Amino acid sequence: MITINLLASERRRTPGLAAGGNGPWMAAAVVLAGVLVAWSIALAHRTAQLQAQMTDVARQEAVLRPVALQVQQLQQTAAALQSRQAALRQLVTLQMPAAESLQTIQAVIPSDVWLTTMAATNTNQVTFDGYAFSYPEVARFMVQLGGSNSFQNVDLTSSEKDSIGGRDVVKFEVTGTLGARPITSQRGVAR
């Protein structure tokens, strides 16, 4: 029969686990703990640096936010002004060139006709209100006005006899359409 002793005797212990054999394991554990502590300190330092950078960026953002808002407002103002400028350019192209048109009227108006009102609309329709000493003078004004390059479709809207200072006159209203381009200088036009 074979007998097995389940209680191990002290002489069978492994030599590496003896009381004197724990030194290398302890040294490795201390080195590992030192590495972990150094790594934790480095991470904490890096975290503190990042936090300081975030605080600095937040401060700079707070300083620059009003400037950015002002830039946005200036961009909106510039866009609005450009829109207005485009609208004004469009209106100017549709607008009656006053100086040239007045020179044309000066060149074609008979000496016995005087204007009290001249008005233009958005549709290039022009209305002339005035007085003349006779109906033929009104007709001559209309013919010369229609003969200029400045006004087209000249038509008599109304005419009636009136009296100014005891003298008989004709009160009239003539309409026309603003033409392509006005005559700029016609001093020698027959009246």
N, C-alpha and C. Protein backbone atom coordinates (compact mmCIF):
# COMPACT_ATOMS: atom_id res chain seq x y z
N MET A 1 0.79 -1.15 0.00
CA MET A 1 0.00 0.00 0.00
C MET A 1 0.86 1.25 0.00
N ILE A 2 0.29 2.28 -0.57
CA ILE A 2 1.01 3.52 -0.69
C ILE A 2 0.38 4.52 0.26
N THR A 3 1.24 5.16 0.96
CA THR A 3 0.76 6.14 1.92
C THR A 3 1.16 7.53 1.40
N ILE A 4 0.16 8.45 1.42
CA ILE A 4 0.40 9.84 0.98
C ILE A 4 0.20 10.73 2.17
N ASN A 5 1.18 11.50 2.44
CA ASN A 5 1.10 12.45 3.52
C ASN A 5 0.56 13.77 2.94
N LEU A 6 -0.61 14.14 3.35
CA LEU A 6 -1.24 15.36 2.85
C LEU A 6 -0.73 16.60 3.57
N LEU A 7 -0.14 16.45 4.64
CA LEU A 7 0.45 17.60 5.32
C LEU A 7 1.88 17.75 4.85
N ALA A 8 2.11 18.83 4.26
CA ALA A 8 3.45 19.04 3.70
C ALA A 8 4.40 19.42 4.81
N SER A 9 5.53 18.92 4.69
CA SER A 9 6.52 19.28 5.69
C SER A 9 7.20 20.58 5.29
N GLU A 10 7.86 21.18 6.22
CA GLU A 10 8.47 22.47 5.98
C GLU A 10 9.67 22.35 5.05
N ARG A 11 10.18 21.29 4.94
CA ARG A 11 11.35 21.16 4.10
C ARG A 11 10.99 21.12 2.62
N ARG A 12 9.75 20.91 2.30
CA ARG A 12 9.36 20.85 0.89
C ARG A 12 8.94 22.23 0.33
N ARG A 13 9.07 23.26 1.01
CA ARG A 13 8.67 24.58 0.49
C ARG A 13 9.60 24.97 -0.64
N THR A 14 9.02 25.79 -1.55
CA THR A 14 9.83 26.24 -2.67
C THR A 14 10.76 27.33 -2.21
N PRO A 15 11.94 27.37 -2.71
CA PRO A 15 12.91 28.32 -2.20
C PRO A 15 12.58 29.76 -2.56
N GLY A 16 11.83 30.07 -3.63
CA GLY A 16 11.56 31.46 -4.03
C GLY A 16 10.54 32.13 -3.14
N LEU A 17 9.75 31.35 -2.42
CA LEU A 17 8.70 31.94 -1.59
C LEU A 17 9.15 32.08 -0.16
N ALA A 18 10.35 31.88 0.08
CA ALA A 18 10.85 31.99 1.44
C ALA A 18 10.84 33.45 1.86
N ALA A 19 11.00 33.77 3.09
CA ALA A 19 10.94 35.12 3.64
C ALA A 19 11.94 36.04 2.96
N GLY A 20 13.02 35.58 2.55
CA GLY A 20 14.02 36.39 1.91
C GLY A 20 13.77 36.57 0.43
N GLY A 21 12.83 35.90 -0.23
CA GLY A 21 12.61 35.94 -1.66
C GLY A 21 11.57 36.96 -2.08
N ASN A 22 10.95 37.71 -1.21
CA ASN A 22 9.93 38.72 -1.56
C ASN A 22 10.54 40.04 -2.00
N GLY A 23 11.78 40.25 -1.94
CA GLY A 23 12.46 41.50 -2.26
C GLY A 23 12.26 41.97 -3.70
N PRO A 24 12.47 41.14 -4.70
CA PRO A 24 12.29 41.62 -6.06
C PRO A 24 10.84 42.01 -6.35
N TRP A 25 9.91 41.25 -5.81
CA TRP A 25 8.48 41.59 -6.05
C TRP A 25 8.13 42.91 -5.38
N MET A 26 8.64 43.11 -4.22
CA MET A 26 8.37 44.36 -3.51
C MET A 26 9.00 45.54 -4.24
N ALA A 27 10.18 45.38 -4.75
CA ALA A 27 10.86 46.44 -5.49
C ALA A 27 10.08 46.79 -6.76
N ALA A 28 9.58 45.74 -7.43
CA ALA A 28 8.79 45.98 -8.64
C ALA A 28 7.50 46.72 -8.30
N ALA A 29 6.87 46.36 -7.20
CA ALA A 29 5.64 47.02 -6.78
C ALA A 29 5.92 48.48 -6.43
N VAL A 30 7.02 48.77 -5.77
CA VAL A 30 7.37 50.14 -5.41
C VAL A 30 7.67 50.96 -6.66
N VAL A 31 8.39 50.36 -7.61
CA VAL A 31 8.70 51.06 -8.85
C VAL A 31 7.41 51.34 -9.61
N LEU A 32 6.51 50.35 -9.68
CA LEU A 32 5.22 50.53 -10.37
C LEU A 32 4.39 51.62 -9.69
N ALA A 33 4.38 51.63 -8.37
CA ALA A 33 3.64 52.66 -7.64
C ALA A 33 4.27 54.03 -7.90
N GLY A 34 5.59 54.10 -7.96
CA GLY A 34 6.27 55.36 -8.25
C GLY A 34 5.94 55.87 -9.65
N VAL A 35 5.91 54.95 -10.62
CA VAL A 35 5.57 55.33 -11.99
C VAL A 35 4.14 55.86 -12.04
N LEU A 36 3.22 55.16 -11.35
CA LEU A 36 1.82 55.61 -11.33
C LEU A 36 1.67 56.96 -10.65
N VAL A 37 2.39 57.21 -9.59
CA VAL A 37 2.32 58.49 -8.90
C VAL A 37 2.89 59.60 -9.80
N ALA A 38 4.03 59.32 -10.47
CA ALA A 38 4.62 60.31 -11.37
C ALA A 38 3.67 60.60 -12.54
N TRP A 39 3.06 59.54 -13.08
CA TRP A 39 2.12 59.71 -14.20
C TRP A 39 0.90 60.53 -13.75
N SER A 40 0.39 60.26 -12.55
CA SER A 40 -0.74 61.02 -12.01
C SER A 40 -0.38 62.49 -11.82
N ILE A 41 0.83 62.75 -11.34
CA ILE A 41 1.27 64.13 -11.15
C ILE A 41 1.39 64.83 -12.51
N ALA A 42 1.94 64.13 -13.52
CA ALA A 42 2.07 64.71 -14.86
C ALA A 42 0.69 65.00 -15.45
N LEU A 43 -0.24 64.07 -15.29
CA LEU A 43 -1.61 64.28 -15.78
C LEU A 43 -2.29 65.44 -15.07
N ALA A 44 -2.09 65.55 -13.77
CA ALA A 44 -2.69 66.65 -13.02
C ALA A 44 -2.10 67.99 -13.48
N HIS A 45 -0.78 68.01 -13.74
CA HIS A 45 -0.14 69.23 -14.22
C HIS A 45 -0.67 69.60 -15.61
N ARG A 46 -0.80 68.60 -16.49
CA ARG A 46 -1.31 68.84 -17.85
C ARG A 46 -2.76 69.32 -17.80
N THR A 47 -3.55 68.73 -16.90
CA THR A 47 -4.94 69.16 -16.72
C THR A 47 -5.01 70.60 -16.25
N ALA A 48 -4.13 70.97 -15.32
CA ALA A 48 -4.09 72.35 -14.83
C ALA A 48 -3.70 73.31 -15.96
N GLN A 49 -2.76 72.91 -16.81
CA GLN A 49 -2.38 73.75 -17.95
C GLN A 49 -3.56 73.94 -18.91
N LEU A 50 -4.25 72.84 -19.21
CA LEU A 50 -5.40 72.93 -20.12
C LEU A 50 -6.51 73.80 -19.53
N GLN A 51 -6.73 73.66 -18.23
CA GLN A 51 -7.74 74.49 -17.56
C GLN A 51 -7.35 75.97 -17.65
N ALA A 52 -6.06 76.27 -17.46
CA ALA A 52 -5.59 77.66 -17.55
C ALA A 52 -5.77 78.18 -18.97
N GLN A 53 -5.49 77.34 -19.98
CA GLN A 53 -5.69 77.74 -21.37
C GLN A 53 -7.18 77.98 -21.66
N MET A 54 -8.05 77.11 -21.14
CA MET A 54 -9.49 77.29 -21.34
C MET A 54 -9.97 78.58 -20.69
N THR A 55 -9.45 78.89 -19.52
CA THR A 55 -9.82 80.13 -18.84
C THR A 55 -9.36 81.34 -19.65
N ASP A 56 -8.13 81.25 -20.19
CA ASP A 56 -7.60 82.34 -21.00
C ASP A 56 -8.42 82.51 -22.28
N VAL A 57 -8.79 81.42 -22.93
CA VAL A 57 -9.62 81.49 -24.15
C VAL A 57 -10.99 82.08 -23.83
N ALA A 58 -11.56 81.67 -22.71
CA ALA A 58 -12.87 82.22 -22.31
C ALA A 58 -12.77 83.72 -22.05
N ARG A 59 -11.68 84.17 -21.43
CA ARG A 59 -11.48 85.60 -21.19
C ARG A 59 -11.33 86.35 -22.52
N GLN A 60 -10.54 85.80 -23.42
CA GLN A 60 -10.36 86.43 -24.73
C GLN A 60 -11.68 86.47 -25.51
N GLU A 61 -12.46 85.40 -25.40
CA GLU A 61 -13.76 85.37 -26.06
C GLU A 61 -14.67 86.45 -25.50
N ALA A 62 -14.66 86.63 -24.19
CA ALA A 62 -15.48 87.68 -23.57
C ALA A 62 -15.04 89.06 -24.04
N VAL A 63 -13.74 89.25 -24.24
CA VAL A 63 -13.24 90.54 -24.72
C VAL A 63 -13.62 90.75 -26.18
N LEU A 64 -13.55 89.70 -26.99
CA LEU A 64 -13.79 89.82 -28.43
C LEU A 64 -15.26 89.73 -28.83
N ARG A 65 -16.12 89.26 -27.95
CA ARG A 65 -17.54 89.12 -28.28
C ARG A 65 -18.17 90.46 -28.69
N PRO A 66 -17.95 91.57 -27.95
CA PRO A 66 -18.52 92.85 -28.40
C PRO A 66 -17.98 93.29 -29.76
N VAL A 67 -16.71 92.99 -30.01
CA VAL A 67 -16.12 93.36 -31.29
C VAL A 67 -16.79 92.55 -32.41
N ALA A 68 -17.00 91.26 -32.17
CA ALA A 68 -17.65 90.42 -33.17
C ALA A 68 -19.08 90.88 -33.43
N LEU A 69 -19.79 91.26 -32.37
CA LEU A 69 -21.15 91.78 -32.54
C LEU A 69 -21.13 93.08 -33.33
N GLN A 70 -20.15 93.92 -33.06
CA GLN A 70 -20.04 95.18 -33.80
C GLN A 70 -19.73 94.92 -35.27
N VAL A 71 -18.88 93.94 -35.54
CA VAL A 71 -18.57 93.58 -36.93
C VAL A 71 -19.83 93.08 -37.63
N GLN A 72 -20.62 92.25 -36.95
CA GLN A 72 -21.87 91.76 -37.54
C GLN A 72 -22.81 92.91 -37.83
N GLN A 73 -22.92 93.85 -36.91
CA GLN A 73 -23.80 95.00 -37.13
C GLN A 73 -23.30 95.84 -38.30
N LEU A 74 -21.99 96.02 -38.39
CA LEU A 74 -21.43 96.79 -39.50
C LEU A 74 -21.67 96.08 -40.84
N GLN A 75 -21.56 94.75 -40.84
CA GLN A 75 -21.83 94.00 -42.06
C GLN A 75 -23.30 94.15 -42.46
N GLN A 76 -24.21 94.09 -41.49
CA GLN A 76 -25.63 94.27 -41.79
C GLN A 76 -25.88 95.69 -42.30
N THR A 77 -25.26 96.67 -41.67
CA THR A 77 -25.42 98.06 -42.11
C THR A 77 -24.87 98.23 -43.53
N ALA A 78 -23.72 97.63 -43.80
CA ALA A 78 -23.13 97.72 -45.15
C ALA A 78 -24.05 97.07 -46.18
N ALA A 79 -24.63 95.93 -45.83
CA ALA A 79 -25.55 95.26 -46.77
C ALA A 79 -26.79 96.12 -47.00
N ALA A 80 -27.31 96.73 -45.94
CA ALA A 80 -28.49 97.60 -46.09
C ALA A 80 -28.15 98.82 -46.94
N LEU A 81 -26.96 99.40 -46.72
CA LEU A 81 -26.55 100.56 -47.51
C LEU A 81 -26.33 100.19 -48.97
N GLN A 82 -25.78 99.02 -49.22
CA GLN A 82 -25.61 98.58 -50.60
C GLN A 82 -26.96 98.37 -51.28
N SER A 83 -27.91 97.84 -50.53
CA SER A 83 -29.26 97.67 -51.07
C SER A 83 -29.89 99.02 -51.38
N ARG A 84 -29.73 99.97 -50.47
CA ARG A 84 -30.27 101.31 -50.71
C ARG A 84 -29.58 101.98 -51.90
N GLN A 85 -28.27 101.78 -51.98
CA GLN A 85 -27.53 102.37 -53.08
C GLN A 85 -28.00 101.80 -54.42
N ALA A 86 -28.27 100.51 -54.47
CA ALA A 86 -28.77 99.90 -55.70
C ALA A 86 -30.15 100.45 -56.04
N ALA A 87 -31.00 100.63 -55.01
CA ALA A 87 -32.33 101.19 -55.25
C ALA A 87 -32.22 102.64 -55.75
N LEU A 88 -31.31 103.41 -55.16
CA LEU A 88 -31.12 104.79 -55.60
C LEU A 88 -30.59 104.86 -57.02
N ARG A 89 -29.68 103.96 -57.37
CA ARG A 89 -29.19 103.93 -58.75
C ARG A 89 -30.32 103.65 -59.72
N GLN A 90 -31.18 102.71 -59.33
CA GLN A 90 -32.32 102.39 -60.19
C GLN A 90 -33.25 103.59 -60.32
N LEU A 91 -33.49 104.28 -59.21
CA LEU A 91 -34.35 105.45 -59.28
C LEU A 91 -33.74 106.57 -60.11
N VAL A 92 -32.42 106.73 -60.00
CA VAL A 92 -31.76 107.78 -60.77
C VAL A 92 -31.85 107.49 -62.26
N THR A 93 -31.76 106.22 -62.63
CA THR A 93 -31.87 105.89 -64.05
C THR A 93 -33.28 106.15 -64.56
N LEU A 94 -34.28 106.00 -63.69
CA LEU A 94 -35.65 106.26 -64.09
C LEU A 94 -36.03 107.73 -63.95
N GLN A 95 -35.25 108.45 -63.19
CA GLN A 95 -35.57 109.84 -62.87
C GLN A 95 -35.37 110.75 -64.08
N MET A 96 -36.18 111.75 -64.15
CA MET A 96 -36.05 112.73 -65.21
C MET A 96 -34.77 113.52 -64.99
N PRO A 97 -33.91 113.59 -66.00
CA PRO A 97 -32.70 114.40 -65.83
C PRO A 97 -33.10 115.88 -65.81
N ALA A 98 -33.20 116.42 -64.63
CA ALA A 98 -33.79 117.75 -64.42
C ALA A 98 -33.08 118.85 -65.20
N ALA A 99 -31.79 118.93 -65.12
CA ALA A 99 -31.08 120.03 -65.76
C ALA A 99 -31.29 120.02 -67.28
N GLU A 100 -31.14 118.84 -67.89
CA GLU A 100 -31.30 118.75 -69.34
C GLU A 100 -32.75 119.01 -69.75
N SER A 101 -33.69 118.48 -68.96
CA SER A 101 -35.10 118.69 -69.29
C SER A 101 -35.48 120.16 -69.17
N LEU A 102 -34.96 120.83 -68.16
CA LEU A 102 -35.26 122.25 -68.01
C LEU A 102 -34.63 123.07 -69.14
N GLN A 103 -33.46 122.67 -69.59
CA GLN A 103 -32.85 123.36 -70.74
C GLN A 103 -33.69 123.14 -71.99
N THR A 104 -34.24 121.94 -72.14
CA THR A 104 -35.11 121.66 -73.28
C THR A 104 -36.35 122.53 -73.22
N ILE A 105 -36.97 122.61 -72.05
CA ILE A 105 -38.17 123.42 -71.90
C ILE A 105 -37.85 124.89 -72.17
N GLN A 106 -36.73 125.35 -71.67
CA GLN A 106 -36.31 126.72 -71.92
C GLN A 106 -36.15 126.98 -73.42
N ALA A 107 -35.66 125.97 -74.13
CA ALA A 107 -35.42 126.14 -75.57
C ALA A 107 -36.71 126.11 -76.38
N VAL A 108 -37.74 125.38 -75.91
CA VAL A 108 -38.95 125.21 -76.73
C VAL A 108 -40.13 126.06 -76.28
N ILE A 109 -40.08 126.66 -75.13
CA ILE A 109 -41.25 127.40 -74.63
C ILE A 109 -41.37 128.75 -75.35
N PRO A 110 -42.54 129.07 -75.88
CA PRO A 110 -42.75 130.38 -76.52
C PRO A 110 -42.68 131.50 -75.48
N SER A 111 -42.41 132.69 -75.95
CA SER A 111 -42.24 133.83 -75.04
C SER A 111 -43.56 134.24 -74.38
N ASP A 112 -44.69 133.88 -74.96
CA ASP A 112 -46.00 134.25 -74.38
C ASP A 112 -46.59 133.12 -73.54
N VAL A 113 -45.80 132.16 -73.16
CA VAL A 113 -46.25 131.02 -72.33
C VAL A 113 -45.37 130.97 -71.10
N TRP A 114 -45.99 130.78 -69.95
CA TRP A 114 -45.20 130.58 -68.74
C TRP A 114 -45.80 129.41 -67.96
N LEU A 115 -44.91 128.65 -67.34
CA LEU A 115 -45.30 127.45 -66.60
C LEU A 115 -45.36 127.77 -65.11
N THR A 116 -46.37 127.21 -64.45
CA THR A 116 -46.48 127.37 -63.00
C THR A 116 -46.05 126.09 -62.28
N THR A 117 -46.27 124.95 -62.92
CA THR A 117 -45.94 123.67 -62.30
C THR A 117 -45.46 122.69 -63.36
N MET A 118 -44.45 121.93 -62.98
CA MET A 118 -44.00 120.81 -63.81
C MET A 118 -43.78 119.65 -62.86
N ALA A 119 -44.47 118.52 -63.10
CA ALA A 119 -44.38 117.37 -62.19
C ALA A 119 -44.15 116.11 -63.00
N ALA A 120 -43.34 115.21 -62.45
CA ALA A 120 -43.07 113.92 -63.10
C ALA A 120 -43.47 112.80 -62.15
N THR A 121 -43.91 111.68 -62.71
CA THR A 121 -44.29 110.51 -61.91
C THR A 121 -43.28 109.40 -62.14
N ASN A 122 -43.47 108.30 -61.42
CA ASN A 122 -42.57 107.14 -61.55
C ASN A 122 -42.63 106.54 -62.95
N THR A 123 -43.72 106.72 -63.64
CA THR A 123 -43.90 106.11 -64.95
C THR A 123 -43.42 107.01 -66.07
N ASN A 124 -42.61 108.03 -65.75
CA ASN A 124 -42.05 108.98 -66.71
C ASN A 124 -43.12 109.87 -67.33
N GLN A 125 -44.27 109.92 -66.71
CA GLN A 125 -45.34 110.83 -67.17
C GLN A 125 -45.04 112.22 -66.59
N VAL A 126 -45.08 113.24 -67.46
CA VAL A 126 -44.77 114.61 -67.04
C VAL A 126 -46.00 115.47 -67.29
N THR A 127 -46.32 116.32 -66.31
CA THR A 127 -47.46 117.23 -66.43
C THR A 127 -46.96 118.66 -66.32
N PHE A 128 -47.40 119.50 -67.27
CA PHE A 128 -47.04 120.92 -67.28
C PHE A 128 -48.32 121.72 -67.06
N ASP A 129 -48.33 122.57 -66.05
CA ASP A 129 -49.44 123.51 -65.83
C ASP A 129 -48.90 124.91 -66.09
N GLY A 130 -49.71 125.73 -66.76
CA GLY A 130 -49.24 127.07 -67.02
C GLY A 130 -50.30 127.96 -67.64
N TYR A 131 -49.84 129.12 -68.10
CA TYR A 131 -50.72 130.12 -68.70
C TYR A 131 -50.11 130.58 -70.02
N ALA A 132 -50.96 131.01 -70.92
CA ALA A 132 -50.54 131.61 -72.20
C ALA A 132 -51.51 132.73 -72.52
N PHE A 133 -51.09 133.62 -73.41
CA PHE A 133 -51.97 134.72 -73.79
C PHE A 133 -53.01 134.28 -74.82
N SER A 134 -52.73 133.13 -75.51
CA SER A 134 -53.70 132.69 -76.53
C SER A 134 -53.59 131.18 -76.71
N TYR A 135 -54.62 130.62 -77.34
CA TYR A 135 -54.63 129.19 -77.63
C TYR A 135 -53.54 128.81 -78.64
N PRO A 136 -53.28 129.62 -79.67
CA PRO A 136 -52.19 129.25 -80.59
C PRO A 136 -50.82 129.16 -79.90
N GLU A 137 -50.59 129.94 -78.85
CA GLU A 137 -49.32 129.85 -78.12
C GLU A 137 -49.23 128.50 -77.38
N VAL A 138 -50.36 128.04 -76.84
CA VAL A 138 -50.39 126.73 -76.17
C VAL A 138 -50.09 125.65 -77.20
N ALA A 139 -50.71 125.76 -78.38
CA ALA A 139 -50.49 124.76 -79.43
C ALA A 139 -49.03 124.77 -79.88
N ARG A 140 -48.45 125.95 -80.04
CA ARG A 140 -47.05 126.03 -80.45
C ARG A 140 -46.13 125.40 -79.40
N PHE A 141 -46.43 125.65 -78.13
CA PHE A 141 -45.66 125.03 -77.04
C PHE A 141 -45.74 123.50 -77.14
N MET A 142 -46.92 122.97 -77.37
CA MET A 142 -47.10 121.52 -77.46
C MET A 142 -46.34 120.94 -78.65
N VAL A 143 -46.39 121.63 -79.79
CA VAL A 143 -45.70 121.15 -80.99
C VAL A 143 -44.19 121.14 -80.76
N GLN A 144 -43.65 122.22 -80.22
CA GLN A 144 -42.21 122.28 -80.00
C GLN A 144 -41.76 121.30 -78.92
N LEU A 145 -42.60 121.11 -77.91
CA LEU A 145 -42.29 120.14 -76.85
C LEU A 145 -42.27 118.73 -77.42
N GLY A 146 -43.27 118.41 -78.26
CA GLY A 146 -43.31 117.08 -78.87
C GLY A 146 -42.21 116.88 -79.90
N GLY A 147 -41.72 117.96 -80.51
CA GLY A 147 -40.65 117.86 -81.49
C GLY A 147 -39.28 117.65 -80.88
N SER A 148 -39.16 117.89 -79.61
CA SER A 148 -37.86 117.67 -78.95
C SER A 148 -37.68 116.17 -78.70
N ASN A 149 -36.48 115.77 -78.48
CA ASN A 149 -36.20 114.36 -78.16
C ASN A 149 -36.47 114.07 -76.69
N SER A 150 -36.79 115.09 -75.92
CA SER A 150 -36.96 114.92 -74.48
C SER A 150 -38.35 114.43 -74.10
N PHE A 151 -39.37 114.83 -74.84
CA PHE A 151 -40.74 114.51 -74.47
C PHE A 151 -41.47 113.93 -75.67
N GLN A 152 -42.30 112.93 -75.40
CA GLN A 152 -43.09 112.27 -76.43
C GLN A 152 -44.54 112.21 -75.99
N ASN A 153 -45.43 111.91 -76.92
CA ASN A 153 -46.86 111.76 -76.63
C ASN A 153 -47.42 112.98 -75.91
N VAL A 154 -47.08 114.15 -76.38
CA VAL A 154 -47.54 115.39 -75.76
C VAL A 154 -49.02 115.57 -76.08
N ASP A 155 -49.80 115.84 -75.04
CA ASP A 155 -51.26 115.95 -75.21
C ASP A 155 -51.79 117.06 -74.32
N LEU A 156 -52.81 117.75 -74.81
CA LEU A 156 -53.47 118.80 -74.04
C LEU A 156 -54.53 118.14 -73.16
N THR A 157 -54.38 118.26 -71.86
CA THR A 157 -55.33 117.66 -70.92
C THR A 157 -56.50 118.59 -70.66
N SER A 158 -56.21 119.87 -70.45
CA SER A 158 -57.29 120.82 -70.21
C SER A 158 -56.83 122.22 -70.60
N SER A 159 -57.80 123.04 -70.96
CA SER A 159 -57.53 124.46 -71.22
C SER A 159 -58.82 125.23 -70.96
N GLU A 160 -58.66 126.40 -70.39
CA GLU A 160 -59.83 127.24 -70.11
C GLU A 160 -59.40 128.70 -70.05
N LYS A 161 -60.34 129.55 -70.35
CA LYS A 161 -60.05 130.99 -70.29
C LYS A 161 -60.04 131.42 -68.83
N ASP A 162 -59.13 132.34 -68.54
CA ASP A 162 -59.00 132.86 -67.19
C ASP A 162 -58.60 134.32 -67.32
N SER A 163 -58.54 134.99 -66.20
CA SER A 163 -58.17 136.40 -66.22
C SER A 163 -57.16 136.65 -65.11
N ILE A 164 -56.06 137.31 -65.46
CA ILE A 164 -55.04 137.66 -64.49
C ILE A 164 -54.77 139.15 -64.63
N GLY A 165 -55.03 139.90 -63.57
CA GLY A 165 -54.80 141.35 -63.56
C GLY A 165 -55.58 142.07 -64.65
N GLY A 166 -56.75 141.62 -64.93
CA GLY A 166 -57.59 142.27 -65.93
C GLY A 166 -57.26 141.85 -67.35
N ARG A 167 -56.35 140.97 -67.53
CA ARG A 167 -55.97 140.52 -68.88
C ARG A 167 -56.46 139.09 -69.07
N ASP A 168 -57.01 138.80 -70.26
CA ASP A 168 -57.48 137.45 -70.57
C ASP A 168 -56.29 136.55 -70.89
N VAL A 169 -56.28 135.38 -70.25
CA VAL A 169 -55.23 134.38 -70.48
C VAL A 169 -55.88 133.01 -70.65
N VAL A 170 -55.09 132.05 -71.07
CA VAL A 170 -55.54 130.66 -71.20
C VAL A 170 -54.77 129.84 -70.17
N LYS A 171 -55.51 129.23 -69.28
CA LYS A 171 -54.91 128.33 -68.29
C LYS A 171 -54.93 126.94 -68.93
N PHE A 172 -53.77 126.22 -68.91
CA PHE A 172 -53.71 124.93 -69.60
C PHE A 172 -52.97 123.89 -68.75
N GLU A 173 -53.21 122.65 -69.15
CA GLU A 173 -52.46 121.52 -68.57
C GLU A 173 -52.09 120.62 -69.73
N VAL A 174 -50.81 120.36 -69.87
CA VAL A 174 -50.29 119.52 -70.94
C VAL A 174 -49.55 118.35 -70.30
N THR A 175 -49.76 117.15 -70.85
CA THR A 175 -49.05 115.97 -70.35
C THR A 175 -48.18 115.41 -71.45
N GLY A 176 -47.18 114.68 -71.06
CA GLY A 176 -46.29 114.02 -72.01
C GLY A 176 -45.50 112.94 -71.31
N THR A 177 -44.76 112.20 -72.10
CA THR A 177 -43.92 111.13 -71.57
C THR A 177 -42.47 111.54 -71.75
N LEU A 178 -41.69 111.31 -70.73
CA LEU A 178 -40.28 111.64 -70.80
C LEU A 178 -39.63 110.77 -71.86
N GLY A 179 -38.93 111.41 -72.80
CA GLY A 179 -38.33 110.69 -73.92
C GLY A 179 -36.97 110.13 -73.60
N ALA A 180 -36.28 109.74 -74.65
CA ALA A 180 -34.99 109.06 -74.50
C ALA A 180 -33.93 109.97 -73.91
N ARG A 181 -33.67 111.10 -74.56
CA ARG A 181 -32.67 112.01 -74.02
C ARG A 181 -33.05 113.43 -74.37
N PRO A 182 -32.86 114.32 -73.47
CA PRO A 182 -33.24 115.70 -73.71
C PRO A 182 -32.24 116.44 -74.59
N ILE A 183 -32.72 117.50 -75.19
CA ILE A 183 -31.84 118.40 -75.95
C ILE A 183 -31.12 119.25 -74.94
N THR A 184 -29.80 119.31 -75.02
CA THR A 184 -29.06 120.02 -73.99
C THR A 184 -28.82 121.47 -74.34
N SER A 185 -28.75 121.82 -75.59
CA SER A 185 -28.50 123.22 -75.92
C SER A 185 -29.11 123.54 -77.26
N GLN A 186 -30.15 124.36 -77.23
CA GLN A 186 -30.80 124.82 -78.47
C GLN A 186 -31.17 126.27 -78.31
N ARG A 187 -30.23 127.11 -78.20
CA ARG A 187 -30.50 128.53 -78.01
C ARG A 187 -31.15 129.13 -79.24
N GLY A 188 -30.86 128.58 -80.42
CA GLY A 188 -31.36 129.18 -81.65
C GLY A 188 -32.68 128.60 -82.11
N VAL A 189 -33.41 127.93 -81.26
CA VAL A 189 -34.69 127.33 -81.67
C VAL A 189 -35.70 128.43 -81.94
N ALA A 190 -36.41 128.30 -83.02
CA ALA A 190 -37.43 129.31 -83.35
C ALA A 190 -38.58 129.19 -82.41
N ARG A 191 -39.04 130.33 -81.96
CA ARG A 191 -40.16 130.32 -81.01
C ARG A 191 -41.37 130.84 -81.66
